[in-house]
Amino acid sequence: MAKNNRASQAELQTAGYDAIRNFRHAIFAEIEVSNLARVIRYDRKNHLADIQPLANMSDGSESAQYLDVPVVENCYIIDEMIDALKSEFEKVDENSKLPEHAATSFVAKLPKKRLLRPGVVVVYVVLDRDSDNWNRDATTFTPGSTRMHDANDAVIIGIWGGDWRNG
């Protein structure tokens, strides 16, 4: 009888451990932190992108697209600087009257493609709290809901891969 009791106790401990491990996994599966995605559409004026997460669901199906995801400045600032300076670089390249400009080729050295564009892989994070009430400045805000770790609060924070010349 004592031997059966020990076996039952060991089975209960194993079952308890398995239940806690499964519960922990279920919690982690619901928390979104960061992931890789492909840009489907990019709105340059408003800095919003539609993205397709690259990691499939556990059953192998594609994850749903995330729409109108805000893009942080470091992802597009180089593209905007090039847009603003390209005409000035063209003027320098064309001004061969000055000896120091005789062999300049600034425009030829600029990236061939925009860094942030449809098809590129990006890294996105999901903020811990609802960000709907944030007005995009450094003032504090009160979240509009108790929403936490939700895809509605995703933000693109980086571009993955490529290089500065070829995108």
C-alpha atoms as a PDB file:
ATOM      1  CA  MET A   1       0.000   0.000   0.000  1.00  0.00           C
ATOM      2  CA  ALA A   2       2.831   2.420   0.841  1.00  0.00           C
ATOM      3  CA  LYS A   3       4.385   1.738  -2.584  1.00  0.00           C
ATOM      4  CA  ASN A   4       1.099   2.607  -4.356  1.00  0.00           C
ATOM      5  CA  ASN A   5       0.852   5.780  -2.289  1.00  0.00           C
ATOM      6  CA  ARG A   6       4.329   6.892  -3.420  1.00  0.00           C
ATOM      7  CA  ALA A   7       3.468   6.164  -7.057  1.00  0.00           C
ATOM      8  CA  SER A   8       0.228   8.147  -6.777  1.00  0.00           C
ATOM      9  CA  GLN A   9       2.058  11.038  -5.138  1.00  0.00           C
ATOM     10  CA  ALA A  10       4.714  11.030  -7.899  1.00  0.00           C
ATOM     11  CA  GLU A  11       1.979  10.975 -10.556  1.00  0.00           C
ATOM     12  CA  LEU A  12       0.215  13.886  -8.877  1.00  0.00           C
ATOM     13  CA  GLN A  13       3.453  15.868  -8.694  1.00  0.00           C
ATOM     14  CA  THR A  14       4.165  15.191 -12.370  1.00  0.00           C
ATOM     15  CA  ALA A  15       0.607  16.138 -13.325  1.00  0.00           C
ATOM     16  CA  GLY A  16       0.885  19.345 -11.270  1.00  0.00           C
ATOM     17  CA  TYR A  17       4.202  20.240 -12.881  1.00  0.00           C
ATOM     18  CA  ASP A  18       2.769  19.575 -16.355  1.00  0.00           C
ATOM     19  CA  ALA A  19      -0.301  21.702 -15.599  1.00  0.00           C
ATOM     20  CA  ILE A  20       1.829  24.649 -14.461  1.00  0.00           C
ATOM     21  CA  ARG A  21       4.135  24.294 -17.481  1.00  0.00           C
ATOM     22  CA  ASN A  22       1.113  24.235 -19.831  1.00  0.00           C
ATOM     23  CA  PHE A  23      -0.443  27.232 -18.066  1.00  0.00           C
ATOM     24  CA  ARG A  24       2.834  29.152 -18.369  1.00  0.00           C
ATOM     25  CA  HIS A  25       3.045  28.289 -22.080  1.00  0.00           C
ATOM     26  CA  ALA A  26      -0.561  29.452 -22.609  1.00  0.00           C
ATOM     27  CA  ILE A  27       0.231  32.813 -20.986  1.00  0.00           C
ATOM     28  CA  PHE A  28       3.386  33.272 -23.080  1.00  0.00           C
ATOM     29  CA  ALA A  29       1.511  32.341 -26.251  1.00  0.00           C
ATOM     30  CA  GLU A  30      -0.888  35.234 -25.658  1.00  0.00           C
ATOM     31  CA  ILE A  31       1.796  37.868 -25.006  1.00  0.00           C
ATOM     32  CA  GLU A  32       3.104  39.530 -28.141  1.00  0.00           C
ATOM     33  CA  VAL A  33       6.517  41.117 -27.768  1.00  0.00           C
ATOM     34  CA  SER A  34       8.405  41.476 -31.052  1.00  0.00           C
ATOM     35  CA  ASN A  35       8.572  39.740 -34.385  1.00  0.00           C
ATOM     36  CA  LEU A  36       9.643  39.946 -38.021  1.00  0.00           C
ATOM     37  CA  ALA A  37       7.279  41.043 -40.780  1.00  0.00           C
ATOM     38  CA  ARG A  38       7.255  42.005 -44.457  1.00  0.00           C
ATOM     39  CA  VAL A  39       6.004  45.445 -45.470  1.00  0.00           C
ATOM     40  CA  ILE A  40       2.943  45.104 -47.710  1.00  0.00           C
ATOM     41  CA  ARG A  41       2.103  48.811 -48.057  1.00  0.00           C
ATOM     42  CA  TYR A  42       3.816  51.947 -46.754  1.00  0.00           C
ATOM     43  CA  ASP A  43       2.173  55.369 -46.431  1.00  0.00           C
ATOM     44  CA  ARG A  44       5.147  57.789 -46.596  1.00  0.00           C
ATOM     45  CA  LYS A  45       3.103  60.841 -45.648  1.00  0.00           C
ATOM     46  CA  ASN A  46       1.690  59.413 -42.397  1.00  0.00           C
ATOM     47  CA  HIS A  47       4.468  56.879 -41.702  1.00  0.00           C
ATOM     48  CA  LEU A  48       2.090  53.935 -41.399  1.00  0.00           C
ATOM     49  CA  ALA A  49       2.634  50.469 -42.811  1.00  0.00           C
ATOM     50  CA  ASP A  50       0.579  47.361 -43.417  1.00  0.00           C
ATOM     51  CA  ILE A  51       2.716  44.346 -42.556  1.00  0.00           C
ATOM     52  CA  GLN A  52       2.548  40.563 -42.845  1.00  0.00           C
ATOM     53  CA  PRO A  53       4.150  38.813 -39.858  1.00  0.00           C
ATOM     54  CA  LEU A  54       6.609  36.187 -41.118  1.00  0.00           C
ATOM     55  CA  ALA A  55       6.137  33.647 -38.309  1.00  0.00           C
ATOM     56  CA  ASN A  56       3.260  31.306 -39.103  1.00  0.00           C
ATOM     57  CA  MET A  57       0.680  30.268 -36.546  1.00  0.00           C
ATOM     58  CA  SER A  58       1.248  26.968 -34.716  1.00  0.00           C
ATOM     59  CA  ASP A  59      -0.966  25.160 -37.267  1.00  0.00           C
ATOM     60  CA  GLY A  60       1.167  26.469 -40.166  1.00  0.00           C
ATOM     61  CA  SER A  61      -1.311  29.097 -41.367  1.00  0.00           C
ATOM     62  CA  GLU A  62      -0.197  32.680 -41.958  1.00  0.00           C
ATOM     63  CA  SER A  63      -0.769  35.239 -39.241  1.00  0.00           C
ATOM     64  CA  ALA A  64      -3.246  38.004 -39.994  1.00  0.00           C
ATOM     65  CA  GLN A  65      -1.810  41.214 -41.423  1.00  0.00           C
ATOM     66  CA  TYR A  66      -1.331  44.193 -39.131  1.00  0.00           C
ATOM     67  CA  LEU A  67      -2.736  47.370 -40.651  1.00  0.00           C
ATOM     68  CA  ASP A  68      -1.674  50.994 -40.184  1.00  0.00           C
ATOM     69  CA  VAL A  69       1.281  50.186 -37.940  1.00  0.00           C
ATOM     70  CA  PRO A  70       3.223  53.333 -36.944  1.00  0.00           C
ATOM     71  CA  VAL A  71       6.845  53.471 -38.105  1.00  0.00           C
ATOM     72  CA  VAL A  72       9.502  55.069 -35.884  1.00  0.00           C
ATOM     73  CA  GLU A  73      11.693  57.789 -37.351  1.00  0.00           C
ATOM     74  CA  ASN A  74      14.931  55.812 -37.554  1.00  0.00           C
ATOM     75  CA  CYS A  75      13.316  53.609 -40.234  1.00  0.00           C
ATOM     76  CA  TYR A  76      12.563  56.422 -42.679  1.00  0.00           C
ATOM     77  CA  ILE A  77      14.742  59.410 -41.758  1.00  0.00           C
ATOM     78  CA  ILE A  78      17.529  58.447 -44.195  1.00  0.00           C
ATOM     79  CA  ASP A  79      15.017  58.183 -47.059  1.00  0.00           C
ATOM     80  CA  GLU A  80      13.654  61.636 -46.215  1.00  0.00           C
ATOM     81  CA  MET A  81      17.136  63.159 -45.938  1.00  0.00           C
ATOM     82  CA  ILE A  82      18.068  61.784 -49.361  1.00  0.00           C
ATOM     83  CA  ASP A  83      14.834  63.156 -50.851  1.00  0.00           C
ATOM     84  CA  ALA A  84      15.614  66.585 -49.395  1.00  0.00           C
ATOM     85  CA  LEU A  85      19.292  66.662 -50.420  1.00  0.00           C
ATOM     86  CA  LYS A  86      19.310  64.882 -53.789  1.00  0.00           C
ATOM     87  CA  SER A  87      18.714  68.041 -55.854  1.00  0.00           C
ATOM     88  CA  GLU A  88      21.555  69.793 -53.992  1.00  0.00           C
ATOM     89  CA  PHE A  89      23.893  66.856 -54.678  1.00  0.00           C
ATOM     90  CA  GLU A  90      22.887  67.002 -58.364  1.00  0.00           C
ATOM     91  CA  LYS A  91      23.857  70.707 -58.465  1.00  0.00           C
ATOM     92  CA  VAL A  92      27.260  69.933 -56.948  1.00  0.00           C
ATOM     93  CA  ASP A  93      27.814  67.041 -59.383  1.00  0.00           C
ATOM     94  CA  GLU A  94      26.953  69.321 -62.342  1.00  0.00           C
ATOM     95  CA  ASN A  95      29.098  72.269 -61.201  1.00  0.00           C
ATOM     96  CA  SER A  96      32.389  71.308 -62.796  1.00  0.00           C
ATOM     97  CA  LYS A  97      33.642  74.923 -62.917  1.00  0.00           C
ATOM     98  CA  LEU A  98      35.192  74.436 -59.489  1.00  0.00           C
ATOM     99  CA  PRO A  99      38.203  72.100 -59.518  1.00  0.00           C
ATOM    100  CA  GLU A 100      37.102  70.378 -56.315  1.00  0.00           C
ATOM    101  CA  HIS A 101      33.794  69.447 -57.990  1.00  0.00           C
ATOM    102  CA  ALA A 102      35.272  68.191 -61.261  1.00  0.00           C
ATOM    103  CA  ALA A 103      34.990  64.549 -60.281  1.00  0.00           C
ATOM    104  CA  THR A 104      32.155  64.481 -57.766  1.00  0.00           C
ATOM    105  CA  SER A 105      29.470  61.832 -58.087  1.00  0.00           C
ATOM    106  CA  PHE A 106      27.340  62.196 -54.986  1.00  0.00           C
ATOM    107  CA  VAL A 107      24.102  61.173 -56.700  1.00  0.00           C
ATOM    108  CA  ALA A 108      25.620  57.966 -58.070  1.00  0.00           C
ATOM    109  CA  LYS A 109      26.588  56.981 -54.538  1.00  0.00           C
ATOM    110  CA  LEU A 110      23.097  57.442 -53.074  1.00  0.00           C
ATOM    111  CA  PRO A 111      20.999  54.337 -52.323  1.00  0.00           C
ATOM    112  CA  LYS A 112      19.320  52.901 -55.415  1.00  0.00           C
ATOM    113  CA  LYS A 113      16.067  52.142 -53.546  1.00  0.00           C
ATOM    114  CA  ARG A 114      14.276  53.598 -50.562  1.00  0.00           C
ATOM    115  CA  LEU A 115      15.223  51.700 -47.414  1.00  0.00           C
ATOM    116  CA  LEU A 116      11.612  51.479 -46.210  1.00  0.00           C
ATOM    117  CA  ARG A 117       9.408  50.118 -48.992  1.00  0.00           C
ATOM    118  CA  PRO A 118       7.015  47.265 -49.722  1.00  0.00           C
ATOM    119  CA  GLY A 119       8.773  43.911 -49.601  1.00  0.00           C
ATOM    120  CA  VAL A 120      11.426  44.711 -46.987  1.00  0.00           C
ATOM    121  CA  VAL A 121      11.614  42.825 -43.709  1.00  0.00           C
ATOM    122  CA  VAL A 122      11.024  44.887 -40.585  1.00  0.00           C
ATOM    123  CA  VAL A 123      11.096  44.271 -36.855  1.00  0.00           C
ATOM    124  CA  TYR A 124       8.020  45.284 -34.931  1.00  0.00           C
ATOM    125  CA  VAL A 125       7.317  45.394 -31.228  1.00  0.00           C
ATOM    126  CA  VAL A 126       4.016  45.333 -29.412  1.00  0.00           C
ATOM    127  CA  LEU A 127       3.802  47.914 -26.661  1.00  0.00           C
ATOM    128  CA  ASP A 128       2.862  46.781 -23.165  1.00  0.00           C
ATOM    129  CA  ARG A 129      -0.120  49.139 -22.914  1.00  0.00           C
ATOM    130  CA  ASP A 130      -2.851  50.702 -25.041  1.00  0.00           C
ATOM    131  CA  SER A 131      -1.271  53.642 -26.903  1.00  0.00           C
ATOM    132  CA  ASP A 132      -4.433  55.097 -28.489  1.00  0.00           C
ATOM    133  CA  ASN A 133      -4.392  58.201 -26.244  1.00  0.00           C
ATOM    134  CA  TRP A 134      -0.710  59.017 -26.842  1.00  0.00           C
ATOM    135  CA  ASN A 135      -0.390  62.224 -28.891  1.00  0.00           C
ATOM    136  CA  ARG A 136       3.121  61.440 -30.217  1.00  0.00           C
ATOM    137  CA  ASP A 137       5.020  63.805 -27.963  1.00  0.00           C
ATOM    138  CA  ALA A 138       6.881  63.471 -24.671  1.00  0.00           C
ATOM    139  CA  THR A 139       3.909  64.162 -22.387  1.00  0.00           C
ATOM    140  CA  THR A 140       2.435  61.471 -20.196  1.00  0.00           C
ATOM    141  CA  PHE A 141      -0.909  59.958 -21.112  1.00  0.00           C
ATOM    142  CA  THR A 142      -3.544  57.711 -19.614  1.00  0.00           C
ATOM    143  CA  PRO A 143      -4.273  54.564 -21.625  1.00  0.00           C
ATOM    144  CA  GLY A 144      -7.809  54.452 -22.966  1.00  0.00           C
ATOM    145  CA  SER A 145      -8.359  50.836 -21.980  1.00  0.00           C
ATOM    146  CA  THR A 146      -6.885  47.968 -19.998  1.00  0.00           C
ATOM    147  CA  ARG A 147      -5.579  46.455 -23.248  1.00  0.00           C
ATOM    148  CA  MET A 148      -2.107  44.942 -22.838  1.00  0.00           C
ATOM    149  CA  HIS A 149       0.337  43.319 -25.298  1.00  0.00           C
ATOM    150  CA  ASP A 150      -2.141  43.719 -28.130  1.00  0.00           C
ATOM    151  CA  ALA A 151      -1.450  43.793 -31.870  1.00  0.00           C
ATOM    152  CA  ASN A 152      -3.313  47.119 -32.019  1.00  0.00           C
ATOM    153  CA  ASP A 153      -0.298  48.643 -30.269  1.00  0.00           C
ATOM    154  CA  ALA A 154       2.376  47.369 -32.657  1.00  0.00           C
ATOM    155  CA  VAL A 155       5.172  49.725 -33.772  1.00  0.00           C
ATOM    156  CA  ILE A 156       7.812  49.131 -36.457  1.00  0.00           C
ATOM    157  CA  ILE A 157      11.232  49.810 -34.945  1.00  0.00           C
ATOM    158  CA  GLY A 158      13.743  48.640 -37.542  1.00  0.00           C
ATOM    159  CA  ILE A 159      14.525  47.394 -41.019  1.00  0.00           C
ATOM    160  CA  TRP A 160      16.216  44.003 -41.241  1.00  0.00           C
ATOM    161  CA  GLY A 161      18.622  43.064 -43.990  1.00  0.00           C
ATOM    162  CA  GLY A 162      19.626  44.809 -47.167  1.00  0.00           C
ATOM    163  CA  ASP A 163      22.377  47.372 -47.370  1.00  0.00           C
ATOM    164  CA  TRP A 164      22.621  51.137 -47.696  1.00  0.00           C
ATOM    165  CA  ARG A 165      23.317  51.084 -51.444  1.00  0.00           C
ATOM    166  CA  ASN A 166      20.858  48.481 -52.721  1.00  0.00           C
ATOM    167  CA  GLY A 167      18.171  48.580 -50.063  1.00  0.00           C
END
